[in-house]
Amino acid sequence: MTTNTNKNPRTPRQKLTYKPAPLPAEGFCRKPSILAALGISSTSWENGRKSGKYPEGILLSPRTRVFPVAEIRALLASIEAKGVE
């Protein structure tokens, strides 16, 4: 029986992911930034988006959705106002 010693050990895959950034002053943001600002899970966000509780966003491509920062800031303000009452 021979053993092949010339094989390189497997290296971990370098997966690129979108890291959440703070909400910009204006423009658009992506879901990870919104989830970090709201402190909710992706499933909660998607359920709320489908029920109309959260903004629908804009599709840039079949797999990329962005959300206007103005709508997200208004959402945060309304949540804060409900929590103060």
Protein backbone atom coordinates (compact mmCIF):
# COMPACT_ATOMS: atom_id res chain seq x y z
CA MET A 1 0.00 0.00 0.00
CA THR A 2 1.39 3.41 -0.96
CA THR A 3 0.53 6.70 0.64
CA ASN A 4 0.46 9.92 -1.33
CA THR A 5 2.33 12.50 0.76
CA ASN A 6 2.37 15.20 -1.91
CA LYS A 7 -1.20 16.38 -1.24
CA ASN A 8 -1.62 19.78 0.29
CA PRO A 9 -3.82 19.93 3.37
CA ARG A 10 -7.16 21.58 2.78
CA THR A 11 -7.31 25.25 3.51
CA PRO A 12 -10.49 26.83 4.83
CA ARG A 13 -12.73 28.47 2.28
CA GLN A 14 -12.54 32.26 2.22
CA LYS A 15 -16.20 33.16 2.31
CA LEU A 16 -16.99 36.80 1.62
CA THR A 17 -19.97 38.16 3.50
CA TYR A 18 -21.50 41.58 3.87
CA LYS A 19 -20.60 43.06 7.24
CA PRO A 20 -23.10 45.47 8.81
CA ALA A 21 -22.11 49.10 8.66
CA PRO A 22 -23.72 51.99 10.56
CA LEU A 23 -26.72 53.53 8.83
CA PRO A 24 -25.56 56.25 6.45
CA ALA A 25 -26.99 59.77 6.57
CA GLU A 26 -28.82 59.24 3.28
CA GLY A 27 -29.10 56.76 0.44
CA PHE A 28 -29.65 53.02 0.80
CA CYS A 29 -28.59 50.27 3.17
CA ARG A 30 -28.72 46.50 3.14
CA LYS A 31 -30.39 44.05 5.52
CA PRO A 32 -27.41 43.29 7.82
CA SER A 33 -27.13 46.98 8.74
CA ILE A 34 -30.85 47.15 9.49
CA LEU A 35 -30.78 43.98 11.58
CA ALA A 36 -27.87 45.37 13.60
CA ALA A 37 -29.72 48.68 14.16
CA LEU A 38 -33.00 46.98 15.16
CA GLY A 39 -31.48 44.05 17.02
CA ILE A 40 -33.77 41.45 15.45
CA SER A 41 -33.21 38.25 13.50
CA SER A 42 -33.37 37.87 9.74
CA THR A 43 -36.48 35.70 10.04
CA SER A 44 -38.28 38.34 12.13
CA TRP A 45 -37.35 40.99 9.56
CA GLU A 46 -38.59 38.90 6.62
CA ASN A 47 -41.86 38.02 8.37
CA GLY A 48 -42.44 41.69 9.19
CA ARG A 49 -41.55 42.76 5.66
CA LYS A 50 -44.00 40.26 4.17
CA SER A 51 -46.77 41.32 6.56
CA GLY A 52 -46.23 45.02 5.79
CA LYS A 53 -44.79 45.98 9.20
CA TYR A 54 -41.37 46.79 7.69
CA PRO A 55 -40.48 48.49 4.36
CA GLU A 56 -40.44 46.33 1.24
CA GLY A 57 -37.20 47.72 -0.19
CA ILE A 58 -35.96 47.82 -3.76
CA LEU A 59 -34.55 44.87 -5.71
CA LEU A 60 -31.26 45.71 -7.40
CA SER A 61 -30.90 42.17 -8.72
CA PRO A 62 -32.69 38.88 -8.01
CA ARG A 63 -30.57 38.37 -4.87
CA THR A 64 -29.85 41.95 -3.73
CA ARG A 65 -32.40 44.11 -1.95
CA VAL A 66 -31.68 47.58 -0.55
CA PHE A 67 -33.76 49.79 1.70
CA PRO A 68 -33.98 53.60 1.71
CA VAL A 69 -32.33 54.94 4.85
CA ALA A 70 -35.11 57.52 5.26
CA GLU A 71 -37.68 54.70 5.63
CA ILE A 72 -35.48 52.84 8.12
CA ARG A 73 -34.92 55.97 10.22
CA ALA A 74 -38.70 56.59 10.21
CA LEU A 75 -39.24 52.98 11.32
CA LEU A 76 -36.73 53.39 14.15
CA ALA A 77 -38.42 56.64 15.22
CA SER A 78 -41.87 55.02 15.27
CA ILE A 79 -40.57 52.07 17.30
CA GLU A 80 -38.91 54.47 19.74
CA ALA A 81 -42.11 56.53 20.03
CA LYS A 82 -44.16 53.40 20.82
CA GLY A 83 -41.65 52.34 23.46
CA VAL A 84 -41.78 55.74 25.24
CA GLU A 85 -45.57 55.72 25.71
